[in-house]
Amino acid sequence: MELSWWRDLAIVVWAGIATIAVVFICIIIILLYRKLVPLMKSADSVMESADIVVNKVGNVVDYTRDEVISPVVQLGSAVQGIAQGINLVVNLFKKKEE
Protein backbone atom coordinates (compact mmCIF):
# COMPACT_ATOMS: atom_id res chain seq x y z
CA MET A 1 0.00 0.00 0.00
CA GLU A 2 1.42 3.21 -1.16
CA LEU A 3 1.00 6.68 0.28
CA SER A 4 -1.35 7.68 -2.54
CA TRP A 5 -3.70 4.83 -1.58
CA TRP A 6 -3.92 6.15 2.01
CA ARG A 7 -4.49 9.65 0.68
CA ASP A 8 -7.34 8.44 -1.54
CA LEU A 9 -8.85 6.50 1.36
CA ALA A 10 -8.75 9.60 3.58
CA ILE A 11 -10.44 11.65 0.85
CA VAL A 12 -13.20 9.06 0.44
CA VAL A 13 -13.74 8.77 4.21
CA TRP A 14 -13.91 12.55 4.66
CA ALA A 15 -16.26 12.85 1.69
CA GLY A 16 -18.53 10.21 3.23
CA ILE A 17 -18.50 12.00 6.60
CA ALA A 18 -19.24 15.34 4.91
CA THR A 19 -22.12 13.78 2.94
CA ILE A 20 -23.61 12.28 6.09
CA ALA A 21 -23.24 15.64 7.89
CA VAL A 22 -24.96 17.53 5.05
CA VAL A 23 -27.82 15.00 4.96
CA PHE A 24 -28.18 15.25 8.76
CA ILE A 25 -28.26 19.05 8.63
CA CYS A 26 -30.87 18.97 5.84
CA ILE A 27 -33.05 16.62 7.88
CA ILE A 28 -32.80 18.92 10.91
CA ILE A 29 -33.70 21.95 8.78
CA ILE A 30 -36.74 20.17 7.31
CA LEU A 31 -37.94 19.09 10.78
CA LEU A 32 -37.49 22.61 12.16
CA TYR A 33 -39.32 24.08 9.16
CA ARG A 34 -42.28 21.76 9.72
CA LYS A 35 -42.47 22.78 13.38
CA LEU A 36 -42.05 26.49 12.67
CA VAL A 37 -44.74 26.84 9.98
CA PRO A 38 -47.68 26.43 12.43
CA LEU A 39 -45.91 28.69 14.90
CA MET A 40 -45.49 31.36 12.24
CA LYS A 41 -49.18 31.09 11.34
CA SER A 42 -50.20 31.56 14.96
CA ALA A 43 -47.77 34.48 15.23
CA ASP A 44 -49.50 36.05 12.23
CA SER A 45 -52.87 35.81 13.96
CA VAL A 46 -51.36 37.32 17.12
CA MET A 47 -49.90 40.17 15.08
CA GLU A 48 -53.29 40.80 13.45
CA SER A 49 -54.92 40.91 16.89
CA ALA A 50 -52.23 43.28 18.13
CA ASP A 51 -52.80 45.50 15.11
CA ILE A 52 -56.52 45.67 15.91
CA VAL A 53 -55.75 46.58 19.53
CA VAL A 54 -53.30 49.27 18.44
CA ASN A 55 -55.92 50.77 16.14
CA LYS A 56 -58.48 50.80 18.96
CA VAL A 57 -56.01 52.44 21.33
CA GLY A 58 -55.25 55.03 18.65
CA ASN A 59 -58.97 55.75 18.35
CA VAL A 60 -59.24 56.19 22.13
CA VAL A 61 -56.25 58.54 22.13
CA ASP A 62 -57.75 60.60 19.29
CA TYR A 63 -61.09 60.80 21.09
CA THR A 64 -59.40 61.81 24.35
CA ARG A 65 -57.40 64.48 22.59
CA ASP A 66 -60.46 65.89 20.85
CA GLU A 67 -62.93 65.68 23.73
CA VAL A 68 -60.81 66.25 26.84
CA ILE A 69 -57.45 67.85 26.15
CA SER A 70 -58.57 70.44 23.59
CA PRO A 71 -61.27 71.95 25.86
CA VAL A 72 -58.83 72.03 28.78
CA VAL A 73 -56.27 73.84 26.62
CA GLN A 74 -58.94 76.27 25.45
CA LEU A 75 -60.04 76.91 29.05
CA GLY A 76 -56.43 77.47 30.08
CA SER A 77 -55.95 79.92 27.22
CA ALA A 78 -59.14 81.77 28.20
CA VAL A 79 -58.03 82.01 31.84
CA GLN A 80 -54.62 83.24 30.78
CA GLY A 81 -56.20 85.86 28.51
CA ILE A 82 -58.51 87.06 31.28
CA ALA A 83 -55.57 87.25 33.69
CA GLN A 84 -53.55 89.28 31.19
CA GLY A 85 -56.54 91.58 30.62
CA ILE A 86 -56.95 92.15 34.36
CA ASN A 87 -53.21 92.74 34.65
CA LEU A 88 -53.37 95.27 31.83
CA VAL A 89 -56.25 97.15 33.43
CA VAL A 90 -54.50 97.14 36.82
CA ASN A 91 -51.28 98.44 35.24
CA LEU A 92 -53.16 101.18 33.39
CA PHE A 93 -54.74 102.47 36.59
CA LYS A 94 -51.47 102.25 38.52
CA LYS A 95 -49.70 104.42 35.97
CA LYS A 96 -52.43 107.05 36.09
CA GLU A 97 -52.21 107.26 39.88
CA GLU A 98 -48.44 107.77 39.89
PDB file of N, CA and C in Angstrom:
ATOM      1  N   MET A   1       0.831  -1.172   0.000  1.00  0.00           N
ATOM      2  CA  MET A   1       0.000   0.000   0.000  1.00  0.00           C
ATOM      3  C   MET A   1       0.878   1.238   0.000  1.00  0.00           C
ATOM      4  N   GLU A   2       0.627   2.002  -1.000  1.00  0.00           N
ATOM      5  CA  GLU A   2       1.422   3.208  -1.155  1.00  0.00           C
ATOM      6  C   GLU A   2       0.768   4.376  -0.436  1.00  0.00           C
ATOM      7  N   LEU A   3       1.480   5.461  -0.374  1.00  0.00           N
ATOM      8  CA  LEU A   3       1.001   6.677   0.277  1.00  0.00           C
ATOM      9  C   LEU A   3      -0.200   7.256  -0.461  1.00  0.00           C
ATOM     10  N   SER A   4      -0.224   7.147  -1.768  1.00  0.00           N
ATOM     11  CA  SER A   4      -1.349   7.683  -2.542  1.00  0.00           C
ATOM     12  C   SER A   4      -2.643   6.922  -2.232  1.00  0.00           C
ATOM     13  N   TRP A   5      -2.515   5.602  -1.928  1.00  0.00           N
ATOM     14  CA  TRP A   5      -3.702   4.827  -1.583  1.00  0.00           C
ATOM     15  C   TRP A   5      -4.295   5.326  -0.272  1.00  0.00           C
ATOM     16  N   TRP A   6      -3.460   5.630   0.722  1.00  0.00           N
ATOM     17  CA  TRP A   6      -3.922   6.154   2.014  1.00  0.00           C
ATOM     18  C   TRP A   6      -4.550   7.532   1.833  1.00  0.00           C
ATOM     19  N   ARG A   7      -3.943   8.323   0.963  1.00  0.00           N
ATOM     20  CA  ARG A   7      -4.492   9.647   0.682  1.00  0.00           C
ATOM     21  C   ARG A   7      -5.880   9.530   0.075  1.00  0.00           C
ATOM     22  N   ASP A   8      -6.042   8.645  -0.908  1.00  0.00           N
ATOM     23  CA  ASP A   8      -7.344   8.440  -1.543  1.00  0.00           C
ATOM     24  C   ASP A   8      -8.374   7.914  -0.548  1.00  0.00           C
ATOM     25  N   LEU A   9      -7.955   7.023   0.333  1.00  0.00           N
ATOM     26  CA  LEU A   9      -8.848   6.498   1.355  1.00  0.00           C
ATOM     27  C   LEU A   9      -9.308   7.612   2.293  1.00  0.00           C
ATOM     28  N   ALA A  10      -8.391   8.474   2.693  1.00  0.00           N
ATOM     29  CA  ALA A  10      -8.746   9.596   3.579  1.00  0.00           C
ATOM     30  C   ALA A  10      -9.738  10.528   2.888  1.00  0.00           C
ATOM     31  N   ILE A  11      -9.524  10.788   1.600  1.00  0.00           N
ATOM     32  CA  ILE A  11     -10.443  11.649   0.853  1.00  0.00           C
ATOM     33  C   ILE A  11     -11.834  11.024   0.791  1.00  0.00           C
ATOM     34  N   VAL A  12     -11.909   9.745   0.522  1.00  0.00           N
ATOM     35  CA  VAL A  12     -13.204   9.059   0.435  1.00  0.00           C
ATOM     36  C   VAL A  12     -13.906   9.050   1.799  1.00  0.00           C
ATOM     37  N   VAL A  13     -13.146   8.790   2.865  1.00  0.00           N
ATOM     38  CA  VAL A  13     -13.738   8.774   4.211  1.00  0.00           C
ATOM     39  C   VAL A  13     -14.265  10.158   4.572  1.00  0.00           C
ATOM     40  N   TRP A  14     -13.471  11.188   4.347  1.00  0.00           N
ATOM     41  CA  TRP A  14     -13.913  12.551   4.657  1.00  0.00           C
ATOM     42  C   TRP A  14     -15.090  12.967   3.789  1.00  0.00           C
ATOM     43  N   ALA A  15     -15.118  12.543   2.551  1.00  0.00           N
ATOM     44  CA  ALA A  15     -16.264  12.854   1.688  1.00  0.00           C
ATOM     45  C   ALA A  15     -17.522  12.167   2.206  1.00  0.00           C
ATOM     46  N   GLY A  16     -17.384  10.930   2.656  1.00  0.00           N
ATOM     47  CA  GLY A  16     -18.528  10.215   3.234  1.00  0.00           C
ATOM     48  C   GLY A  16     -19.039  10.890   4.496  1.00  0.00           C
ATOM     49  N   ILE A  17     -18.107  11.294   5.367  1.00  0.00           N
ATOM     50  CA  ILE A  17     -18.500  11.999   6.599  1.00  0.00           C
ATOM     51  C   ILE A  17     -19.180  13.322   6.265  1.00  0.00           C
ATOM     52  N   ALA A  18     -18.647  14.052   5.304  1.00  0.00           N
ATOM     53  CA  ALA A  18     -19.243  15.335   4.907  1.00  0.00           C
ATOM     54  C   ALA A  18     -20.629  15.127   4.325  1.00  0.00           C
ATOM     55  N   THR A  19     -20.807  14.076   3.518  1.00  0.00           N
ATOM     56  CA  THR A  19     -22.123  13.784   2.936  1.00  0.00           C
ATOM     57  C   THR A  19     -23.128  13.449   4.028  1.00  0.00           C
ATOM     58  N   ILE A  20     -22.721  12.638   4.978  1.00  0.00           N
ATOM     59  CA  ILE A  20     -23.610  12.284   6.089  1.00  0.00           C
ATOM     60  C   ILE A  20     -23.963  13.536   6.898  1.00  0.00           C
ATOM     61  N   ALA A  21     -22.988  14.404   7.126  1.00  0.00           N
ATOM     62  CA  ALA A  21     -23.244  15.638   7.887  1.00  0.00           C
ATOM     63  C   ALA A  21     -24.215  16.540   7.139  1.00  0.00           C
ATOM     64  N   VAL A  22     -24.062  16.681   5.841  1.00  0.00           N
ATOM     65  CA  VAL A  22     -24.964  17.527   5.051  1.00  0.00           C
ATOM     66  C   VAL A  22     -26.379  16.959   5.068  1.00  0.00           C
ATOM     67  N   VAL A  23     -26.505  15.641   4.921  1.00  0.00           N
ATOM     68  CA  VAL A  23     -27.824  15.005   4.961  1.00  0.00           C
ATOM     69  C   VAL A  23     -28.459  15.213   6.343  1.00  0.00           C
ATOM     70  N   PHE A  24     -27.691  15.053   7.397  1.00  0.00           N
ATOM     71  CA  PHE A  24     -28.183  15.247   8.757  1.00  0.00           C
ATOM     72  C   PHE A  24     -28.653  16.687   8.967  1.00  0.00           C
ATOM     73  N   ILE A  25     -27.883  17.643   8.503  1.00  0.00           N
ATOM     74  CA  ILE A  25     -28.260  19.053   8.631  1.00  0.00           C
ATOM     75  C   ILE A  25     -29.528  19.349   7.832  1.00  0.00           C
ATOM     76  N   CYS A  26     -29.653  18.781   6.646  1.00  0.00           N
ATOM     77  CA  CYS A  26     -30.866  18.966   5.836  1.00  0.00           C
ATOM     78  C   CYS A  26     -32.086  18.385   6.542  1.00  0.00           C
ATOM     79  N   ILE A  27     -31.937  17.233   7.146  1.00  0.00           N
ATOM     80  CA  ILE A  27     -33.053  16.619   7.877  1.00  0.00           C
ATOM     81  C   ILE A  27     -33.460  17.510   9.050  1.00  0.00           C
ATOM     82  N   ILE A  28     -32.498  18.032   9.779  1.00  0.00           N
ATOM     83  CA  ILE A  28     -32.797  18.925  10.908  1.00  0.00           C
ATOM     84  C   ILE A  28     -33.517  20.182  10.424  1.00  0.00           C
ATOM     85  N   ILE A  29     -33.069  20.747   9.328  1.00  0.00           N
ATOM     86  CA  ILE A  29     -33.702  21.951   8.782  1.00  0.00           C
ATOM     87  C   ILE A  29     -35.144  21.661   8.374  1.00  0.00           C
ATOM     88  N   ILE A  30     -35.376  20.532   7.733  1.00  0.00           N
ATOM     89  CA  ILE A  30     -36.740  20.172   7.313  1.00  0.00           C
ATOM     90  C   ILE A  30     -37.634  19.978   8.540  1.00  0.00           C
ATOM     91  N   LEU A  31     -37.141  19.303   9.563  1.00  0.00           N
ATOM     92  CA  LEU A  31     -37.942  19.093  10.778  1.00  0.00           C
ATOM     93  C   LEU A  31     -38.243  20.420  11.472  1.00  0.00           C
ATOM     94  N   LEU A  32     -37.261  21.296  11.554  1.00  0.00           N
ATOM     95  CA  LEU A  32     -37.492  22.615  12.155  1.00  0.00           C
ATOM     96  C   LEU A  32     -38.497  23.429  11.345  1.00  0.00           C
ATOM     97  N   TYR A  33     -38.396  23.343  10.028  1.00  0.00           N
ATOM     98  CA  TYR A  33     -39.323  24.080   9.164  1.00  0.00           C
ATOM     99  C   TYR A  33     -40.753  23.606   9.397  1.00  0.00           C
ATOM    100  N   ARG A  34     -40.942  22.301   9.496  1.00  0.00           N
ATOM    101  CA  ARG A  34     -42.283  21.755   9.720  1.00  0.00           C
ATOM    102  C   ARG A  34     -42.851  22.180  11.065  1.00  0.00           C
ATOM    103  N   LYS A  35     -41.989  22.346  12.068  1.00  0.00           N
ATOM    104  CA  LYS A  35     -42.471  22.780  13.380  1.00  0.00           C
ATOM    105  C   LYS A  35     -42.685  24.291  13.417  1.00  0.00           C
ATOM    106  N   LEU A  36     -41.944  25.038  12.635  1.00  0.00           N
ATOM    107  CA  LEU A  36     -42.049  26.493  12.673  1.00  0.00           C
ATOM    108  C   LEU A  36     -43.205  27.047  11.852  1.00  0.00           C
ATOM    109  N   VAL A  37     -43.658  26.337  10.829  1.00  0.00           N
ATOM    110  CA  VAL A  37     -44.742  26.842   9.981  1.00  0.00           C
ATOM    111  C   VAL A  37     -46.015  27.085  10.803  1.00  0.00           C
ATOM    112  N   PRO A  38     -46.491  26.128  11.619  1.00  0.00           N
ATOM    113  CA  PRO A  38     -47.683  26.429  12.428  1.00  0.00           C
ATOM    114  C   PRO A  38     -47.444  27.561  13.427  1.00  0.00           C
ATOM    115  N   LEU A  39     -46.239  27.618  13.968  1.00  0.00           N
ATOM    116  CA  LEU A  39     -45.909  28.688  14.901  1.00  0.00           C
ATOM    117  C   LEU A  39     -45.947  30.050  14.217  1.00  0.00           C
ATOM    118  N   MET A  40     -45.465  30.105  12.994  1.00  0.00           N
ATOM    119  CA  MET A  40     -45.492  31.362  12.244  1.00  0.00           C
ATOM    120  C   MET A  40     -46.926  31.763  11.915  1.00  0.00           C
ATOM    121  N   LYS A  41     -47.781  30.787  11.616  1.00  0.00           N
ATOM    122  CA  LYS A  41     -49.184  31.095  11.337  1.00  0.00           C
ATOM    123  C   LYS A  41     -49.867  31.634  12.573  1.00  0.00           C
ATOM    124  N   SER A  42     -49.592  31.054  13.730  1.00  0.00           N
ATOM    125  CA  SER A  42     -50.195  31.564  14.960  1.00  0.00           C
ATOM    126  C   SER A  42     -49.621  32.935  15.307  1.00  0.00           C
ATOM    127  N   ALA A  43     -48.362  33.155  14.997  1.00  0.00           N
ATOM    128  CA  ALA A  43     -47.774  34.476  15.227  1.00  0.00           C
ATOM    129  C   ALA A  43     -48.434  35.516  14.329  1.00  0.00           C
ATOM    130  N   ASP A  44     -48.790  35.130  13.114  1.00  0.00           N
ATOM    131  CA  ASP A  44     -49.496  36.053  12.227  1.00  0.00           C
ATOM    132  C   ASP A  44     -50.846  36.447  12.813  1.00  0.00           C
ATOM    133  N   SER A  45     -51.576  35.480  13.371  1.00  0.00           N
ATOM    134  CA  SER A  45     -52.872  35.809  13.965  1.00  0.00           C
ATOM    135  C   SER A  45     -52.692  36.698  15.193  1.00  0.00           C
ATOM    136  N   VAL A  46     -51.643  36.470  15.967  1.00  0.00           N
ATOM    137  CA  VAL A  46     -51.363  37.325  17.118  1.00  0.00           C
ATOM    138  C   VAL A  46     -51.023  38.737  16.653  1.00  0.00           C
ATOM    139  N   MET A  47     -50.257  38.848  15.597  1.00  0.00           N
ATOM    140  CA  MET A  47     -49.902  40.165  15.075  1.00  0.00           C
ATOM    141  C   MET A  47     -51.130  40.900  14.553  1.00  0.00           C
ATOM    142  N   GLU A  48     -52.054  40.177  13.920  1.00  0.00           N
ATOM    143  CA  GLU A  48     -53.290  40.805  13.447  1.00  0.00           C
ATOM    144  C   GLU A  48     -54.113  41.304  14.630  1.00  0.00           C
ATOM    145  N   SER A  49     -54.192  40.501  15.688  1.00  0.00           N
ATOM    146  CA  SER A  49     -54.918  40.913  16.886  1.00  0.00           C
ATOM    147  C   SER A  49     -54.261  42.135  17.524  1.00  0.00           C
ATOM    148  N   ALA A  50     -52.945  42.137  17.573  1.00  0.00           N
ATOM    149  CA  ALA A  50     -52.228  43.277  18.130  1.00  0.00           C
ATOM    150  C   ALA A  50     -52.458  44.527  17.289  1.00  0.00           C
ATOM    151  N   ASP A  51     -52.537  44.369  15.993  1.00  0.00           N
ATOM    152  CA  ASP A  51     -52.803  45.502  15.105  1.00  0.00           C
ATOM    153  C   ASP A  51     -54.185  46.079  15.380  1.00  0.00           C
ATOM    154  N   ILE A  52     -55.167  45.211  15.593  1.00  0.00           N
ATOM    155  CA  ILE A  52     -56.524  45.668  15.912  1.00  0.00           C
ATOM    156  C   ILE A  52     -56.526  46.432  17.231  1.00  0.00           C
ATOM    157  N   VAL A  53     -55.822  45.909  18.228  1.00  0.00           N
ATOM    158  CA  VAL A  53     -55.750  46.577  19.532  1.00  0.00           C
ATOM    159  C   VAL A  53     -55.076  47.931  19.402  1.00  0.00           C
ATOM    160  N   VAL A  54     -54.005  48.004  18.633  1.00  0.00           N
ATOM    161  CA  VAL A  54     -53.299  49.274  18.443  1.00  0.00           C
ATOM    162  C   VAL A  54     -54.210  50.288  17.770  1.00  0.00           C
ATOM    163  N   ASN A  55     -54.991  49.861  16.792  1.00  0.00           N
ATOM    164  CA  ASN A  55     -55.924  50.773  16.135  1.00  0.00           C
ATOM    165  C   ASN A  55     -56.983  51.277  17.113  1.00  0.00           C
ATOM    166  N   LYS A  56     -57.488  50.387  17.966  1.00  0.00           N
ATOM    167  CA  LYS A  56     -58.484  50.795  18.959  1.00  0.00           C
ATOM    168  C   LYS A  56     -57.889  51.776  19.962  1.00  0.00           C
ATOM    169  N   VAL A  57     -56.672  51.518  20.406  1.00  0.00           N
ATOM    170  CA  VAL A  57     -56.012  52.439  21.335  1.00  0.00           C
ATOM    171  C   VAL A  57     -55.788  53.789  20.659  1.00  0.00           C
ATOM    172  N   GLY A  58     -55.415  53.769  19.394  1.00  0.00           N
ATOM    173  CA  GLY A  58     -55.252  55.025  18.648  1.00  0.00           C
ATOM    174  C   GLY A  58     -56.552  55.796  18.570  1.00  0.00           C
ATOM    175  N   ASN A  59     -57.671  55.085  18.377  1.00  0.00           N
ATOM    176  CA  ASN A  59     -58.974  55.750  18.350  1.00  0.00           C
ATOM    177  C   ASN A  59     -59.298  56.372  19.705  1.00  0.00           C
ATOM    178  N   VAL A  60     -58.989  55.656  20.793  1.00  0.00           N
ATOM    179  CA  VAL A  60     -59.238  56.190  22.133  1.00  0.00           C
ATOM    180  C   VAL A  60     -58.379  57.433  22.377  1.00  0.00           C
ATOM    181  N   VAL A  61     -57.131  57.384  21.957  1.00  0.00           N
ATOM    182  CA  VAL A  61     -56.245  58.536  22.131  1.00  0.00           C
ATOM    183  C   VAL A  61     -56.767  59.737  21.333  1.00  0.00           C
ATOM    184  N   ASP A  62     -57.199  59.503  20.101  1.00  0.00           N
ATOM    185  CA  ASP A  62     -57.748  60.596  19.292  1.00  0.00           C
ATOM    186  C   ASP A  62     -58.985  61.183  19.945  1.00  0.00           C
ATOM    187  N   TYR A  63     -59.871  60.334  20.433  1.00  0.00           N
ATOM    188  CA  TYR A  63     -61.091  60.804  21.088  1.00  0.00           C
ATOM    189  C   TYR A  63     -60.751  61.613  22.336  1.00  0.00           C
ATOM    190  N   THR A  64     -59.808  61.104  23.126  1.00  0.00           N
ATOM    191  CA  THR A  64     -59.405  61.809  24.346  1.00  0.00           C
ATOM    192  C   THR A  64     -58.810  63.168  24.017  1.00  0.00           C
ATOM    193  N   ARG A  65     -57.991  63.208  22.990  1.00  0.00           N
ATOM    194  CA  ARG A  65     -57.397  64.482  22.587  1.00  0.00           C
ATOM    195  C   ARG A  65     -58.474  65.468  22.154  1.00  0.00           C
ATOM    196  N   ASP A  66     -59.429  65.001  21.368  1.00  0.00           N
ATOM    197  CA  ASP A  66     -60.460  65.894  20.847  1.00  0.00           C
ATOM    198  C   ASP A  66     -61.462  66.320  21.910  1.00  0.00           C
ATOM    199  N   GLU A  67     -61.837  65.417  22.796  1.00  0.00           N
ATOM    200  CA  GLU A  67     -62.934  65.682  23.731  1.00  0.00           C
ATOM    201  C   GLU A  67     -62.474  66.149  25.104  1.00  0.00           C
ATOM    202  N   VAL A  68     -61.254  65.898  25.490  1.00  0.00           N
ATOM    203  CA  VAL A  68     -60.808  66.255  26.838  1.00  0.00           C
ATOM    204  C   VAL A  68     -59.692  67.284  26.805  1.00  0.00           C
ATOM    205  N   ILE A  69     -58.639  66.995  26.092  1.00  0.00           N
ATOM    206  CA  ILE A  69     -57.452  67.849  26.150  1.00  0.00           C
ATOM    207  C   ILE A  69     -57.694  69.186  25.457  1.00  0.00           C
ATOM    208  N   SER A  70     -58.336  69.179  24.305  1.00  0.00           N
ATOM    209  CA  SER A  70     -58.574  70.436  23.586  1.00  0.00           C
ATOM    210  C   SER A  70     -59.414  71.413  24.414  1.00  0.00           C
ATOM    211  N   PRO A  71     -60.533  71.001  25.021  1.00  0.00           N
ATOM    212  CA  PRO A  71     -61.269  71.954  25.857  1.00  0.00           C
ATOM    213  C   PRO A  71     -60.472  72.461  27.051  1.00  0.00           C
ATOM    214  N   VAL A  72     -59.652  71.594  27.648  1.00  0.00           N
ATOM    215  CA  VAL A  72     -58.829  72.031  28.782  1.00  0.00           C
ATOM    216  C   VAL A  72     -57.820  73.079  28.325  1.00  0.00           C
ATOM    217  N   VAL A  73     -57.223  72.868  27.166  1.00  0.00           N
ATOM    218  CA  VAL A  73     -56.266  73.842  26.623  1.00  0.00           C
ATOM    219  C   VAL A  73     -56.980  75.157  26.313  1.00  0.00           C
ATOM    220  N   GLN A  74     -58.178  75.063  25.749  1.00  0.00           N
ATOM    221  CA  GLN A  74     -58.943  76.274  25.451  1.00  0.00           C
ATOM    222  C   GLN A  74     -59.306  77.012  26.729  1.00  0.00           C
ATOM    223  N   LEU A  75     -59.716  76.292  27.757  1.00  0.00           N
ATOM    224  CA  LEU A  75     -60.036  76.910  29.046  1.00  0.00           C
ATOM    225  C   LEU A  75     -58.802  77.572  29.638  1.00  0.00           C
ATOM    226  N   GLY A  76     -57.680  76.891  29.571  1.00  0.00           N
ATOM    227  CA  GLY A  76     -56.430  77.473  30.078  1.00  0.00           C
ATOM    228  C   GLY A  76     -56.063  78.741  29.324  1.00  0.00           C
ATOM    229  N   SER A  77     -56.249  78.723  28.021  1.00  0.00           N
ATOM    230  CA  SER A  77     -55.955  79.920  27.218  1.00  0.00           C
ATOM    231  C   SER A  77     -56.894  81.056  27.593  1.00  0.00           C
ATOM    232  N   ALA A  78     -58.177  80.732  27.816  1.00  0.00           N
ATOM    233  CA  ALA A  78     -59.138  81.770  28.196  1.00  0.00           C
ATOM    234  C   ALA A  78     -58.777  82.361  29.549  1.00  0.00           C
ATOM    235  N   VAL A  79     -58.427  81.521  30.509  1.00  0.00           N
ATOM    236  CA  VAL A  79     -58.035  82.007  31.841  1.00  0.00           C
ATOM    237  C   VAL A  79     -56.795  82.873  31.743  1.00  0.00           C
ATOM    238  N   GLN A  80     -55.838  82.460  30.957  1.00  0.00           N
ATOM    239  CA  GLN A  80     -54.617  83.244  30.785  1.00  0.00           C
ATOM    240  C   GLN A  80     -54.938  84.591  30.140  1.00  0.00           C
ATOM    241  N   GLY A  81     -55.817  84.606  29.151  1.00  0.00           N
ATOM    242  CA  GLY A  81     -56.202  85.858  28.507  1.00  0.00           C
ATOM    243  C   GLY A  81     -56.915  86.784  29.469  1.00  0.00           C
ATOM    244  N   ILE A  82     -57.812  86.231  30.282  1.00  0.00           N
ATOM    245  CA  ILE A  82     -58.510  87.060  31.280  1.00  0.00           C
ATOM    246  C   ILE A  82     -57.519  87.624  32.280  1.00  0.00           C
ATOM    247  N   ALA A  83     -56.580  86.787  32.729  1.00  0.00           N
ATOM    248  CA  ALA A  83     -55.570  87.246  33.694  1.00  0.00           C
ATOM    249  C   ALA A  83     -54.720  88.360  33.091  1.00  0.00           C
ATOM    250  N   GLN A  84     -54.333  88.227  31.839  1.00  0.00           N
ATOM    251  CA  GLN A  84     -53.553  89.281  31.194  1.00  0.00           C
ATOM    252  C   GLN A  84     -54.376  90.556  31.040  1.00  0.00           C
ATOM    253  N   GLY A  85     -55.668  90.406  30.724  1.00  0.00           N
ATOM    254  CA  GLY A  85     -56.540  91.580  30.622  1.00  0.00           C
ATOM    255  C   GLY A  85     -56.666  92.287  31.942  1.00  0.00           C
ATOM    256  N   ILE A  86     -56.865  91.535  33.017  1.00  0.00           N
ATOM    257  CA  ILE A  86     -56.953  92.147  34.358  1.00  0.00           C
ATOM    258  C   ILE A  86     -55.635  92.820  34.700  1.00  0.00           C
ATOM    259  N   ASN A  87     -54.541  92.173  34.400  1.00  0.00           N
ATOM    260  CA  ASN A  87     -53.215  92.736  34.651  1.00  0.00           C
ATOM    261  C   ASN A  87     -53.030  94.041  33.885  1.00  0.00           C
ATOM    262  N   LEU A  88     -53.479  94.083  32.651  1.00  0.00           N
ATOM    263  CA  LEU A  88     -53.365  95.270  31.829  1.00  0.00           C
ATOM    264  C   LEU A  88     -54.171  96.420  32.418  1.00  0.00           C
ATOM    265  N   VAL A  89     -55.400  96.112  32.838  1.00  0.00           N
ATOM    266  CA  VAL A  89     -56.248  97.150  33.431  1.00  0.00           C
ATOM    267  C   VAL A  89     -55.626  97.652  34.725  1.00  0.00           C
ATOM    268  N   VAL A  90     -55.128  96.743  35.548  1.00  0.00           N
ATOM    269  CA  VAL A  90     -54.495  97.140  36.815  1.00  0.00           C
ATOM    270  C   VAL A  90     -53.285  98.020  36.543  1.00  0.00           C
ATOM    271  N   ASN A  91     -52.475  97.644  35.572  1.00  0.00           N
ATOM    272  CA  ASN A  91     -51.284  98.438  35.242  1.00  0.00           C
ATOM    273  C   ASN A  91     -51.660  99.804  34.684  1.00  0.00           C
ATOM    274  N   LEU A  92     -52.727  99.895  33.928  1.00  0.00           N
ATOM    275  CA  LEU A  92     -53.165 101.180  33.389  1.00  0.00           C
ATOM    276  C   LEU A  92     -53.578 102.126  34.509  1.00  0.00           C
ATOM    277  N   PHE A  93     -54.311 101.623  35.491  1.00  0.00           N
ATOM    278  CA  PHE A  93     -54.743 102.471  36.593  1.00  0.00           C
ATOM    279  C   PHE A  93     -53.593 102.813  37.519  1.00  0.00           C
ATOM    280  N   LYS A  94     -52.622 101.959  37.693  1.00  0.00           N
ATOM    281  CA  LYS A  94     -51.470 102.248  38.520  1.00  0.00           C
ATOM    282  C   LYS A  94     -50.646 103.377  37.907  1.00  0.00           C
ATOM    283  N   LYS A  95     -50.500 103.377  36.620  1.00  0.00           N
ATOM    284  CA  LYS A  95     -49.701 104.418  35.967  1.00  0.00           C
ATOM    285  C   LYS A  95     -50.391 105.754  36.039  1.00  0.00           C
ATOM    286  N   LYS A  96     -51.714 105.777  35.992  1.00  0.00           N
ATOM    287  CA  LYS A  96     -52.430 107.051  36.089  1.00  0.00           C
ATOM    288  C   LYS A  96     -52.322 107.634  37.482  1.00  0.00           C
ATOM    289  N   GLU A  97     -52.289 106.796  38.501  1.00  0.00           N
ATOM    290  CA  GLU A  97     -52.212 107.262  39.877  1.00  0.00           C
ATOM    291  C   GLU A  97     -50.833 107.815  40.193  1.00  0.00           C
ATOM    292  N   GLU A  98     -49.797 107.333  39.586  1.00  0.00           N
ATOM    293  CA  GLU A  98     -48.439 107.767  39.893  1.00  0.00           C
ATOM    294  C   GLU A  98     -48.227 109.086  39.331  1.00  0.00           C
TER     295      GLU A  98
END
